[in-house]
């Protein structure tokens, strides 16, 4: 695997893990198992039948949890402690190097990218949950899944294009995350006024 493909795989796995970790691992594992993609030896474990089985079950649970208002935010809260370290490990595995400096940098950058993607997703969904109807929540969930499929396809088949899109996506996230944070703080402040009237 050339350097560009390795960077695209590392970036793609990290980015996708912030949206849907289990679907990412399940899909990549299945594609590798049936020979559609070739992973570095450090990621061979993803095609293990046990890993595929467990991530397949967890993918179904996540698919359902992500469609239910408030349940999705609770799920995202729990996943904060799973997605970010997993994204770091997947990025480190995708780079497949014996150099500890490069491996550490890959893990740090991969975990950071996963964290940014996760924060954007979780923050957006928390604000969407303030709407009393479930349609926007379900639409956002399916939109994220479409984004995951499109981004995953680009990362695996068009690595240069994916890296360009990923840089643009990172710039959007840097712009978006502070706005999401302000919106969440304002929402919590309004909830506090309702619960504890002056």
Protein backbone atom coordinates (compact mmCIF):
# COMPACT_ATOMS: atom_id res chain seq x y z
CA UNK A 1 0.00 0.00 0.00
CA UNK A 2 1.52 3.37 -1.02
CA UNK A 3 1.82 6.34 1.34
CA UNK A 4 -1.20 8.23 -0.07
CA UNK A 5 -3.43 5.16 0.26
CA UNK A 6 -2.16 4.59 3.81
CA UNK A 7 -2.88 8.20 4.79
CA UNK A 8 -6.33 8.01 3.18
CA UNK A 9 -7.07 4.73 4.98
CA UNK A 10 -5.88 6.16 8.32
CA UNK A 11 -7.87 9.36 7.81
CA UNK A 12 -10.92 7.51 6.56
CA UNK A 13 -10.99 5.06 9.45
CA UNK A 14 -10.48 7.83 12.01
CA UNK A 15 -13.10 10.11 10.48
CA UNK A 16 -15.64 7.30 10.03
CA UNK A 17 -15.08 6.06 13.59
CA UNK A 18 -16.31 9.41 14.88
CA UNK A 19 -19.60 8.86 13.06
CA UNK A 20 -20.17 5.10 13.34
CA UNK A 21 -17.33 3.05 14.79
CA UNK A 22 -18.99 -0.35 14.65
CA UNK A 23 -20.30 -0.03 11.09
CA UNK A 24 -16.85 1.15 10.01
CA UNK A 25 -15.04 -1.83 11.53
CA UNK A 26 -17.74 -4.26 10.34
CA UNK A 27 -17.74 -2.96 6.74
CA UNK A 28 -13.96 -2.81 6.41
CA UNK A 29 -13.65 -6.26 7.98
CA UNK A 30 -16.19 -7.75 5.57
CA UNK A 31 -14.58 -6.09 2.54
CA UNK A 32 -11.19 -7.44 3.58
CA UNK A 33 -12.53 -10.92 4.37
CA UNK A 34 -14.03 -11.30 0.90
CA UNK A 35 -10.97 -9.83 -0.85
CA UNK A 36 -12.47 -6.54 -2.04
CA UNK A 37 -9.80 -4.54 -0.23
CA UNK A 38 -6.34 -5.37 1.07
CA UNK A 39 -5.51 -4.10 4.54
CA UNK A 40 -2.08 -3.76 6.09
CA UNK A 41 -1.14 -6.74 8.23
CA UNK A 42 -1.63 -4.65 11.37
CA UNK A 43 -5.36 -4.44 10.56
CA UNK A 44 -5.86 -8.12 9.61
CA UNK A 45 -7.72 -8.60 12.90
CA UNK A 46 -10.66 -6.63 11.44
CA UNK A 47 -11.48 -9.56 9.14
CA UNK A 48 -11.58 -12.04 12.03
CA UNK A 49 -15.07 -13.69 12.15
CA UNK A 50 -15.42 -12.89 15.86
CA UNK A 51 -14.67 -9.19 15.29
CA UNK A 52 -17.07 -9.14 12.32
CA UNK A 53 -19.79 -10.86 14.38
CA UNK A 54 -19.46 -8.56 17.40
CA UNK A 55 -19.30 -5.38 15.33
CA UNK A 56 -22.25 -6.58 13.24
CA UNK A 57 -24.40 -6.92 16.37
CA UNK A 58 -23.19 -3.60 17.77
CA UNK A 59 -23.87 -1.95 14.38
CA UNK A 60 -27.51 -3.04 14.55
CA UNK A 61 -27.84 -1.71 18.10
CA UNK A 62 -26.24 1.59 17.09
CA UNK A 63 -28.43 1.85 13.98
CA UNK A 64 -31.56 1.64 16.14
CA UNK A 65 -30.26 3.79 19.02
CA UNK A 66 -29.24 6.52 16.59
CA UNK A 67 -32.80 6.92 15.30
CA UNK A 68 -34.44 7.61 18.69
CA UNK A 69 -34.29 11.17 20.07
CA UNK A 70 -32.34 11.46 23.35
CA UNK A 71 -31.32 7.80 23.17
CA UNK A 72 -28.91 8.83 20.41
CA UNK A 73 -27.35 11.51 22.64
CA UNK A 74 -27.01 9.05 25.53
CA UNK A 75 -25.39 6.56 23.14
CA UNK A 76 -23.02 9.26 21.83
CA UNK A 77 -22.04 10.15 25.42
CA UNK A 78 -21.05 6.56 26.13
CA UNK A 79 -19.30 6.23 22.77
CA UNK A 80 -17.03 9.20 23.55
CA UNK A 81 -14.89 6.81 25.59
CA UNK A 82 -14.84 4.16 22.85
CA UNK A 83 -14.76 5.93 19.48
CA UNK A 84 -11.78 8.20 20.13
CA UNK A 85 -9.28 5.56 21.34
CA UNK A 86 -10.54 3.14 18.68
CA UNK A 87 -10.04 5.78 15.96
CA UNK A 88 -6.50 6.34 17.23
CA UNK A 89 -5.73 2.61 17.12
CA UNK A 90 -7.22 2.21 13.64
CA UNK A 91 -5.15 5.13 12.30
CA UNK A 92 -2.00 3.68 13.84
CA UNK A 93 -2.79 0.28 12.31
CA UNK A 94 -3.46 1.80 8.89
CA UNK A 95 -0.05 3.51 8.81
CA UNK A 96 1.61 0.16 9.65
CA UNK A 97 5.04 1.34 10.72
CA UNK A 98 7.64 0.04 13.13
CA UNK A 99 8.85 3.59 13.82
CA UNK A 100 7.43 4.51 17.25
CA UNK A 101 7.46 8.25 16.44
CA UNK A 102 5.36 7.83 13.29
CA UNK A 103 3.04 5.34 15.04
CA UNK A 104 2.52 7.76 17.94
CA UNK A 105 1.85 10.68 15.60
CA UNK A 106 -0.63 8.57 13.61
CA UNK A 107 -2.46 7.62 16.81
CA UNK A 108 -2.55 11.21 18.08
CA UNK A 109 -3.75 12.64 14.78
CA UNK A 110 -6.22 9.79 14.26
CA UNK A 111 -7.67 10.18 17.75
CA UNK A 112 -7.93 13.94 17.27
CA UNK A 113 -9.76 13.52 13.96
CA UNK A 114 -12.11 10.96 15.50
CA UNK A 115 -12.72 13.32 18.43
CA UNK A 116 -13.53 16.27 16.14
CA UNK A 117 -15.91 14.18 14.05
CA UNK A 118 -17.55 12.72 17.16
CA UNK A 119 -17.93 16.19 18.74
CA UNK A 120 -19.52 17.55 15.56
CA UNK A 121 -21.92 14.61 15.35
CA UNK A 122 -22.84 14.53 19.04
CA UNK A 123 -23.20 18.31 19.29
CA UNK A 124 -25.40 18.51 16.20
CA UNK A 125 -27.60 15.69 17.42
CA UNK A 126 -27.96 17.25 20.89
CA UNK A 127 -29.25 20.45 19.30
CA UNK A 128 -31.52 18.54 16.91
CA UNK A 129 -33.03 16.78 19.93
CA UNK A 130 -34.46 20.11 21.11
CA UNK A 131 -37.00 19.77 18.28
CA UNK A 132 -40.14 18.00 19.53
CA UNK A 133 -40.59 15.84 16.42
CA UNK A 134 -38.47 12.78 15.53
CA UNK A 135 -38.28 13.39 11.76
CA UNK A 136 -35.20 15.66 11.85
CA UNK A 137 -33.40 13.18 14.10
CA UNK A 138 -34.08 10.26 11.76
CA UNK A 139 -33.15 12.36 8.70
CA UNK A 140 -29.87 13.42 10.37
CA UNK A 141 -29.08 9.79 11.20
CA UNK A 142 -29.65 8.60 7.64
CA UNK A 143 -27.66 11.61 6.38
CA UNK A 144 -24.71 10.57 8.55
CA UNK A 145 -24.93 7.03 7.18
CA UNK A 146 -24.94 8.35 3.61
CA UNK A 147 -21.93 10.53 4.42
CA UNK A 148 -20.20 7.49 5.89
CA UNK A 149 -20.82 5.39 2.76
CA UNK A 150 -19.69 8.14 0.40
CA UNK A 151 -16.61 9.02 2.43
CA UNK A 152 -15.69 5.38 2.91
CA UNK A 153 -15.97 4.68 -0.80
CA UNK A 154 -13.77 7.70 -1.61
CA UNK A 155 -11.15 6.72 0.99
CA UNK A 156 -10.85 3.22 -0.44
CA UNK A 157 -11.10 3.98 -4.17
CA UNK A 158 -10.00 7.62 -4.65
CA UNK A 159 -7.50 8.36 -1.86
CA UNK A 160 -6.24 11.69 -3.26
CA UNK A 161 -9.77 13.05 -3.68
CA UNK A 162 -10.71 11.78 -0.22
CA UNK A 163 -7.74 13.54 1.40
CA UNK A 164 -8.79 16.82 -0.25
CA UNK A 165 -12.38 16.37 0.91
CA UNK A 166 -11.14 15.43 4.39
CA UNK A 167 -9.11 18.66 4.67
CA UNK A 168 -12.22 20.65 3.70
CA UNK A 169 -14.28 18.67 6.22
CA UNK A 170 -11.74 19.40 8.99
CA UNK A 171 -11.96 23.12 8.20
CA UNK A 172 -15.76 22.97 8.44
CA UNK A 173 -15.53 21.13 11.77
CA UNK A 174 -13.10 23.73 13.17
CA UNK A 175 -15.63 26.41 12.22
CA UNK A 176 -18.67 24.42 13.42
CA UNK A 177 -17.61 23.01 16.81
CA UNK A 178 -17.45 26.38 18.66
CA UNK A 179 -20.90 27.29 17.31
CA UNK A 180 -22.30 23.94 18.45
CA UNK A 181 -20.77 24.43 21.88
CA UNK A 182 -22.35 27.91 22.20
CA UNK A 183 -25.71 26.46 21.13
CA UNK A 184 -25.50 23.65 23.68
CA UNK A 185 -24.52 26.08 26.46
CA UNK A 186 -27.49 28.32 25.57
CA UNK A 187 -29.81 25.30 25.50
CA UNK A 188 -28.59 24.15 28.94
CA UNK A 189 -28.99 27.68 30.29
CA UNK A 190 -32.60 27.77 29.04
CA UNK A 191 -33.30 24.36 30.57
CA UNK A 192 -31.84 25.63 33.85
CA UNK A 193 -34.24 28.59 33.81
CA UNK A 194 -37.21 26.27 33.31
CA UNK A 195 -36.13 23.79 36.01
CA UNK A 196 -34.98 26.45 38.50
CA UNK A 197 -37.18 29.52 37.88
CA UNK A 198 -35.95 32.75 39.45
